[in-house]
Amino acid sequence: MSVTAIVSLKGGSGKTTTAINLGAALALKGKRTLLVDLDPQASLSYVLSPEERGSASMADVLLDSHALSEVILPTGRENLDLIPAAPRLWEFNQESAPARKTARRFADALRTQRRHYDQILLDCPPALTPLARLALHSAEWSLTPTQPSPMGLDALERFLDQIEEERKQGFHEAKLLGVLIANANPYLRVTVESCLRLKKVFQKRLFHTIVRQSVRLVEAPGLRRTIFEHDPHGVGAENYSKLVREFLHRMD
């Protein structure tokens, strides 16, 4: 079993879109996959939760000490399960840092699912919040989506440097699996230039796959669908199918 934290500097980077569709792509490849929504906005939960579900959520695990197994939901899709978020997770995010006891308990809880899942993806809030740090503490890998922008590169470098520095100091052990360029418009000169800069700076740390802007990728969440359900032959599905192959190859 591998655990990957999907972390980003800011919203709008394609973080939750990537969590949803990378998770769906893994499931379609026969990988038993658990998606854990750690973002109080609960966008991932909205898309993938069954319409008839109880109130159990990740907040019950972190704030009320419920067992992780009590809040796992089927999504109605083969090989794909979900632990939903709830707005109450903001209470955890008000802490300056996750307590070591809580972080250790969460990591141990994820390990209890080892025989049930091949892949666990943790969808984190934007920025390096206590919830994101909790995810990094519990993960083996991190993946960072970013929208190609000339203004965001320096901040992205500092964000990743901070994550790496905390890893070296022993706060977590998650290694960077890669930086993913997402929501890219290849017809804009500024996008092309930004992608070239990202390749120059991150080199092998950058995924070869680029997720292009797509109307279908924007439409799918509102319809509570993955891109493979909404537009299985379109560019979005093609991009995430390519990404899942690269994702698994990098873990080998």
Foldseek 3Di string as FASTA:
>chain_A
DFEEEEAEQAPPLCQLLLLQQLQVLCQVVVFQEEEAELAQVQLNCLLQPDPDDDPAAPCCCQPVVDQPVVQWACSPGGSYIYGTHHNVSVVVQPDQADDPVSLVVVLVSVVVCVVVGDYYYYRHHYRCTNSSLSSQQNGQAYEYGGEQAPVCPVVRVVRVVVVVVCCVVPSHNHYYLAYEHEQAAPVDPSRVVSVVVCCVVCPVRHDPQHHYRDPLSVPNSVVSHRSCVRPVPDSRVVRSNVVSVSSVVSVD
